[in-house]
Amino acid sequence: MLVACALSAPVMAEVYQYVDANGKTVFSDQPPPGAKAKPLNVRAYAPASAPAKAVKGSPLSDIDKKNAEISAENAKVKEQNKKVAQENCKRARDNLTSLQQNGRIRMPGSTALATDSQRTALLQQAQQDVQSWCNQ
């Protein structure tokens, strides 16, 4: 019984604390040469032989449930984002096709016809929109 207690007791480990040349606090198992290091007493416990299992009603199982809910919600959001991206891609392609097929077009929000330079700018923007939404 005494041997079992001795084996399960924490092990003392030597750890040194010092400030490096950059002014950062460093912890190490060996003192640095030529620097002031403060020895610290640290107890290291042996790792558990098996990970803890969730018990029904325990905080761990509640966390697992919450994580599962969050994962399911994230999957729904990802699917919705995919649908929106597909719709935006279709709209961008339709807009580009419309601009390419019509010789003269009206400026958005106006009754005035677009000049050649404005039409070129609208075509370039429509091509960028197709690339942005369809090449994801």
C-alpha atoms as a PDB file:
ATOM      1  CA  MET A   1       0.000   0.000   0.000  1.00  0.00           C
ATOM      2  CA  LEU A   2       2.873   2.340   0.849  1.00  0.00           C
ATOM      3  CA  VAL A   3       4.477   1.667  -2.555  1.00  0.00           C
ATOM      4  CA  ALA A   4       1.222   2.523  -4.337  1.00  0.00           C
ATOM      5  CA  CYS A   5       1.002   5.807  -2.467  1.00  0.00           C
ATOM      6  CA  ALA A   6       4.604   6.630  -3.227  1.00  0.00           C
ATOM      7  CA  LEU A   7       4.132   5.953  -6.958  1.00  0.00           C
ATOM      8  CA  SER A   8       1.035   8.122  -7.190  1.00  0.00           C
ATOM      9  CA  ALA A   9       2.597  11.057  -5.337  1.00  0.00           C
ATOM     10  CA  PRO A  10       3.467  14.132  -7.359  1.00  0.00           C
ATOM     11  CA  VAL A  11       6.984  14.442  -8.688  1.00  0.00           C
ATOM     12  CA  MET A  12       8.977  17.557  -7.943  1.00  0.00           C
ATOM     13  CA  ALA A  13      10.381  19.143 -11.082  1.00  0.00           C
ATOM     14  CA  GLU A  14      12.885  21.958 -11.242  1.00  0.00           C
ATOM     15  CA  VAL A  15      11.822  24.904 -13.346  1.00  0.00           C
ATOM     16  CA  TYR A  16      13.717  28.134 -13.745  1.00  0.00           C
ATOM     17  CA  GLN A  17      12.274  31.557 -14.447  1.00  0.00           C
ATOM     18  CA  TYR A  18      14.289  34.350 -16.023  1.00  0.00           C
ATOM     19  CA  VAL A  19      13.962  37.375 -18.298  1.00  0.00           C
ATOM     20  CA  ASP A  20      15.556  37.022 -21.733  1.00  0.00           C
ATOM     21  CA  ALA A  21      17.358  39.679 -23.800  1.00  0.00           C
ATOM     22  CA  ASN A  22      14.037  40.816 -25.321  1.00  0.00           C
ATOM     23  CA  GLY A  23      12.530  41.426 -21.885  1.00  0.00           C
ATOM     24  CA  LYS A  24      10.213  38.402 -21.988  1.00  0.00           C
ATOM     25  CA  THR A  25       9.749  36.089 -19.027  1.00  0.00           C
ATOM     26  CA  VAL A  26      10.942  32.566 -19.853  1.00  0.00           C
ATOM     27  CA  PHE A  27      10.365  29.301 -17.998  1.00  0.00           C
ATOM     28  CA  SER A  28      12.829  26.480 -18.614  1.00  0.00           C
ATOM     29  CA  ASP A  29      13.967  23.190 -17.091  1.00  0.00           C
ATOM     30  CA  GLN A  30      17.597  24.367 -17.258  1.00  0.00           C
ATOM     31  CA  PRO A  31      19.005  27.684 -16.091  1.00  0.00           C
ATOM     32  CA  PRO A  32      20.470  29.842 -18.856  1.00  0.00           C
ATOM     33  CA  PRO A  33      24.240  30.372 -18.821  1.00  0.00           C
ATOM     34  CA  GLY A  34      25.197  33.796 -17.507  1.00  0.00           C
ATOM     35  CA  ALA A  35      21.680  34.951 -16.601  1.00  0.00           C
ATOM     36  CA  LYS A  36      19.955  35.276 -13.247  1.00  0.00           C
ATOM     37  CA  ALA A  37      17.424  32.487 -13.014  1.00  0.00           C
ATOM     38  CA  LYS A  38      15.010  32.006 -10.164  1.00  0.00           C
ATOM     39  CA  PRO A  39      14.356  28.332  -9.323  1.00  0.00           C
ATOM     40  CA  LEU A  40      10.667  27.471  -8.891  1.00  0.00           C
ATOM     41  CA  ASN A  41       9.170  24.483  -7.128  1.00  0.00           C
ATOM     42  CA  VAL A  42       6.663  22.836  -9.434  1.00  0.00           C
ATOM     43  CA  ARG A  43       4.723  19.655  -8.815  1.00  0.00           C
ATOM     44  CA  ALA A  44       4.140  17.510 -11.860  1.00  0.00           C
ATOM     45  CA  TYR A  45       1.384  14.928 -11.647  1.00  0.00           C
ATOM     46  CA  ALA A  46       1.346  11.779 -13.695  1.00  0.00           C
ATOM     47  CA  PRO A  47      -1.173  11.911 -16.556  1.00  0.00           C
ATOM     48  CA  ALA A  48      -4.395   9.977 -16.166  1.00  0.00           C
ATOM     49  CA  SER A  49      -4.295   6.554 -17.771  1.00  0.00           C
ATOM     50  CA  ALA A  50      -7.557   7.137 -19.655  1.00  0.00           C
ATOM     51  CA  PRO A  51      -9.435  10.313 -20.560  1.00  0.00           C
ATOM     52  CA  ALA A  52     -12.423  11.153 -18.399  1.00  0.00           C
ATOM     53  CA  LYS A  53     -15.712   9.915 -19.774  1.00  0.00           C
ATOM     54  CA  ALA A  54     -18.802  12.049 -19.754  1.00  0.00           C
ATOM     55  CA  VAL A  55     -21.357  11.016 -17.198  1.00  0.00           C
ATOM     56  CA  LYS A  56     -24.981  11.711 -17.971  1.00  0.00           C
ATOM     57  CA  GLY A  57     -25.874  15.075 -16.459  1.00  0.00           C
ATOM     58  CA  SER A  58     -22.235  16.060 -15.937  1.00  0.00           C
ATOM     59  CA  PRO A  59     -20.887  19.409 -17.140  1.00  0.00           C
ATOM     60  CA  LEU A  60     -18.771  17.582 -19.727  1.00  0.00           C
ATOM     61  CA  SER A  61     -21.801  15.965 -21.345  1.00  0.00           C
ATOM     62  CA  ASP A  62     -23.593  19.341 -21.313  1.00  0.00           C
ATOM     63  CA  ILE A  63     -20.627  20.871 -23.115  1.00  0.00           C
ATOM     64  CA  ASP A  64     -20.642  18.029 -25.643  1.00  0.00           C
ATOM     65  CA  LYS A  65     -24.354  18.615 -26.294  1.00  0.00           C
ATOM     66  CA  LYS A  66     -23.780  22.348 -26.745  1.00  0.00           C
ATOM     67  CA  ASN A  67     -20.874  21.679 -29.121  1.00  0.00           C
ATOM     68  CA  ALA A  68     -23.081  19.319 -31.153  1.00  0.00           C
ATOM     69  CA  GLU A  69     -25.794  21.985 -31.343  1.00  0.00           C
ATOM     70  CA  ILE A  70     -23.270  24.594 -32.467  1.00  0.00           C
ATOM     71  CA  SER A  71     -21.859  22.224 -35.101  1.00  0.00           C
ATOM     72  CA  ALA A  72     -25.350  21.535 -36.439  1.00  0.00           C
ATOM     73  CA  GLU A  73     -26.109  25.259 -36.581  1.00  0.00           C
ATOM     74  CA  ASN A  74     -22.805  25.935 -38.357  1.00  0.00           C
ATOM     75  CA  ALA A  75     -23.655  23.268 -40.941  1.00  0.00           C
ATOM     76  CA  LYS A  76     -27.040  24.929 -41.568  1.00  0.00           C
ATOM     77  CA  VAL A  77     -25.400  28.344 -41.980  1.00  0.00           C
ATOM     78  CA  LYS A  78     -22.782  26.901 -44.338  1.00  0.00           C
ATOM     79  CA  GLU A  79     -25.501  25.296 -46.480  1.00  0.00           C
ATOM     80  CA  GLN A  80     -27.494  28.544 -46.562  1.00  0.00           C
ATOM     81  CA  ASN A  81     -24.364  30.493 -47.562  1.00  0.00           C
ATOM     82  CA  LYS A  82     -23.772  27.989 -50.366  1.00  0.00           C
ATOM     83  CA  LYS A  83     -27.320  28.507 -51.684  1.00  0.00           C
ATOM     84  CA  VAL A  84     -26.964  32.293 -51.550  1.00  0.00           C
ATOM     85  CA  ALA A  85     -23.630  32.108 -53.397  1.00  0.00           C
ATOM     86  CA  GLN A  86     -25.244  29.959 -56.127  1.00  0.00           C
ATOM     87  CA  GLU A  87     -28.117  32.451 -56.478  1.00  0.00           C
ATOM     88  CA  ASN A  88     -25.669  35.361 -56.659  1.00  0.00           C
ATOM     89  CA  CYS A  89     -23.645  33.514 -59.296  1.00  0.00           C
ATOM     90  CA  LYS A  90     -26.772  33.001 -61.417  1.00  0.00           C
ATOM     91  CA  ARG A  91     -27.740  36.683 -61.078  1.00  0.00           C
ATOM     92  CA  ALA A  92     -24.216  37.811 -61.977  1.00  0.00           C
ATOM     93  CA  ARG A  93     -24.174  35.582 -65.101  1.00  0.00           C
ATOM     94  CA  ASP A  94     -27.642  36.793 -66.132  1.00  0.00           C
ATOM     95  CA  ASN A  95     -26.554  40.410 -65.684  1.00  0.00           C
ATOM     96  CA  LEU A  96     -23.399  39.853 -67.739  1.00  0.00           C
ATOM     97  CA  THR A  97     -25.366  38.144 -70.525  1.00  0.00           C
ATOM     98  CA  SER A  98     -27.873  41.000 -70.572  1.00  0.00           C
ATOM     99  CA  LEU A  99     -25.124  43.604 -70.811  1.00  0.00           C
ATOM    100  CA  GLN A 100     -23.351  41.681 -73.590  1.00  0.00           C
ATOM    101  CA  GLN A 101     -26.503  41.183 -75.687  1.00  0.00           C
ATOM    102  CA  ASN A 102     -27.912  44.715 -75.496  1.00  0.00           C
ATOM    103  CA  GLY A 103     -26.181  47.389 -77.553  1.00  0.00           C
ATOM    104  CA  ARG A 104     -27.472  50.330 -75.574  1.00  0.00           C
ATOM    105  CA  ILE A 105     -28.388  50.068 -71.942  1.00  0.00           C
ATOM    106  CA  ARG A 106     -29.796  52.445 -69.394  1.00  0.00           C
ATOM    107  CA  MET A 107     -27.670  53.466 -66.435  1.00  0.00           C
ATOM    108  CA  PRO A 108     -28.837  51.905 -63.180  1.00  0.00           C
ATOM    109  CA  GLY A 109     -31.236  54.241 -61.359  1.00  0.00           C
ATOM    110  CA  SER A 110     -31.553  56.567 -64.358  1.00  0.00           C
ATOM    111  CA  THR A 111     -33.392  56.881 -67.655  1.00  0.00           C
ATOM    112  CA  ALA A 112     -30.249  58.032 -69.467  1.00  0.00           C
ATOM    113  CA  LEU A 113     -28.488  55.695 -71.857  1.00  0.00           C
ATOM    114  CA  ALA A 114     -24.966  54.631 -70.914  1.00  0.00           C
ATOM    115  CA  THR A 115     -22.071  55.991 -72.928  1.00  0.00           C
ATOM    116  CA  ASP A 116     -19.591  53.561 -74.448  1.00  0.00           C
ATOM    117  CA  SER A 117     -17.146  54.070 -71.571  1.00  0.00           C
ATOM    118  CA  GLN A 118     -19.926  53.614 -68.991  1.00  0.00           C
ATOM    119  CA  ARG A 119     -21.100  50.441 -70.771  1.00  0.00           C
ATOM    120  CA  THR A 120     -17.513  49.132 -70.760  1.00  0.00           C
ATOM    121  CA  ALA A 121     -17.237  49.863 -67.032  1.00  0.00           C
ATOM    122  CA  LEU A 122     -20.556  48.069 -66.380  1.00  0.00           C
ATOM    123  CA  LEU A 123     -19.367  45.061 -68.409  1.00  0.00           C
ATOM    124  CA  GLN A 124     -16.079  44.911 -66.471  1.00  0.00           C
ATOM    125  CA  GLN A 125     -17.953  45.083 -63.167  1.00  0.00           C
ATOM    126  CA  ALA A 126     -20.327  42.334 -64.303  1.00  0.00           C
ATOM    127  CA  GLN A 127     -17.366  40.129 -65.283  1.00  0.00           C
ATOM    128  CA  GLN A 128     -15.759  40.731 -61.870  1.00  0.00           C
ATOM    129  CA  ASP A 129     -19.058  39.818 -60.191  1.00  0.00           C
ATOM    130  CA  VAL A 130     -19.198  36.542 -62.142  1.00  0.00           C
ATOM    131  CA  GLN A 131     -15.614  35.733 -61.157  1.00  0.00           C
ATOM    132  CA  SER A 132     -16.277  36.631 -57.531  1.00  0.00           C
ATOM    133  CA  TRP A 133     -19.452  34.605 -57.127  1.00  0.00           C
ATOM    134  CA  CYS A 134     -18.929  31.708 -59.531  1.00  0.00           C
ATOM    135  CA  ASN A 135     -15.264  30.827 -58.996  1.00  0.00           C
ATOM    136  CA  GLN A 136     -15.380  30.155 -55.275  1.00  0.00           C
END
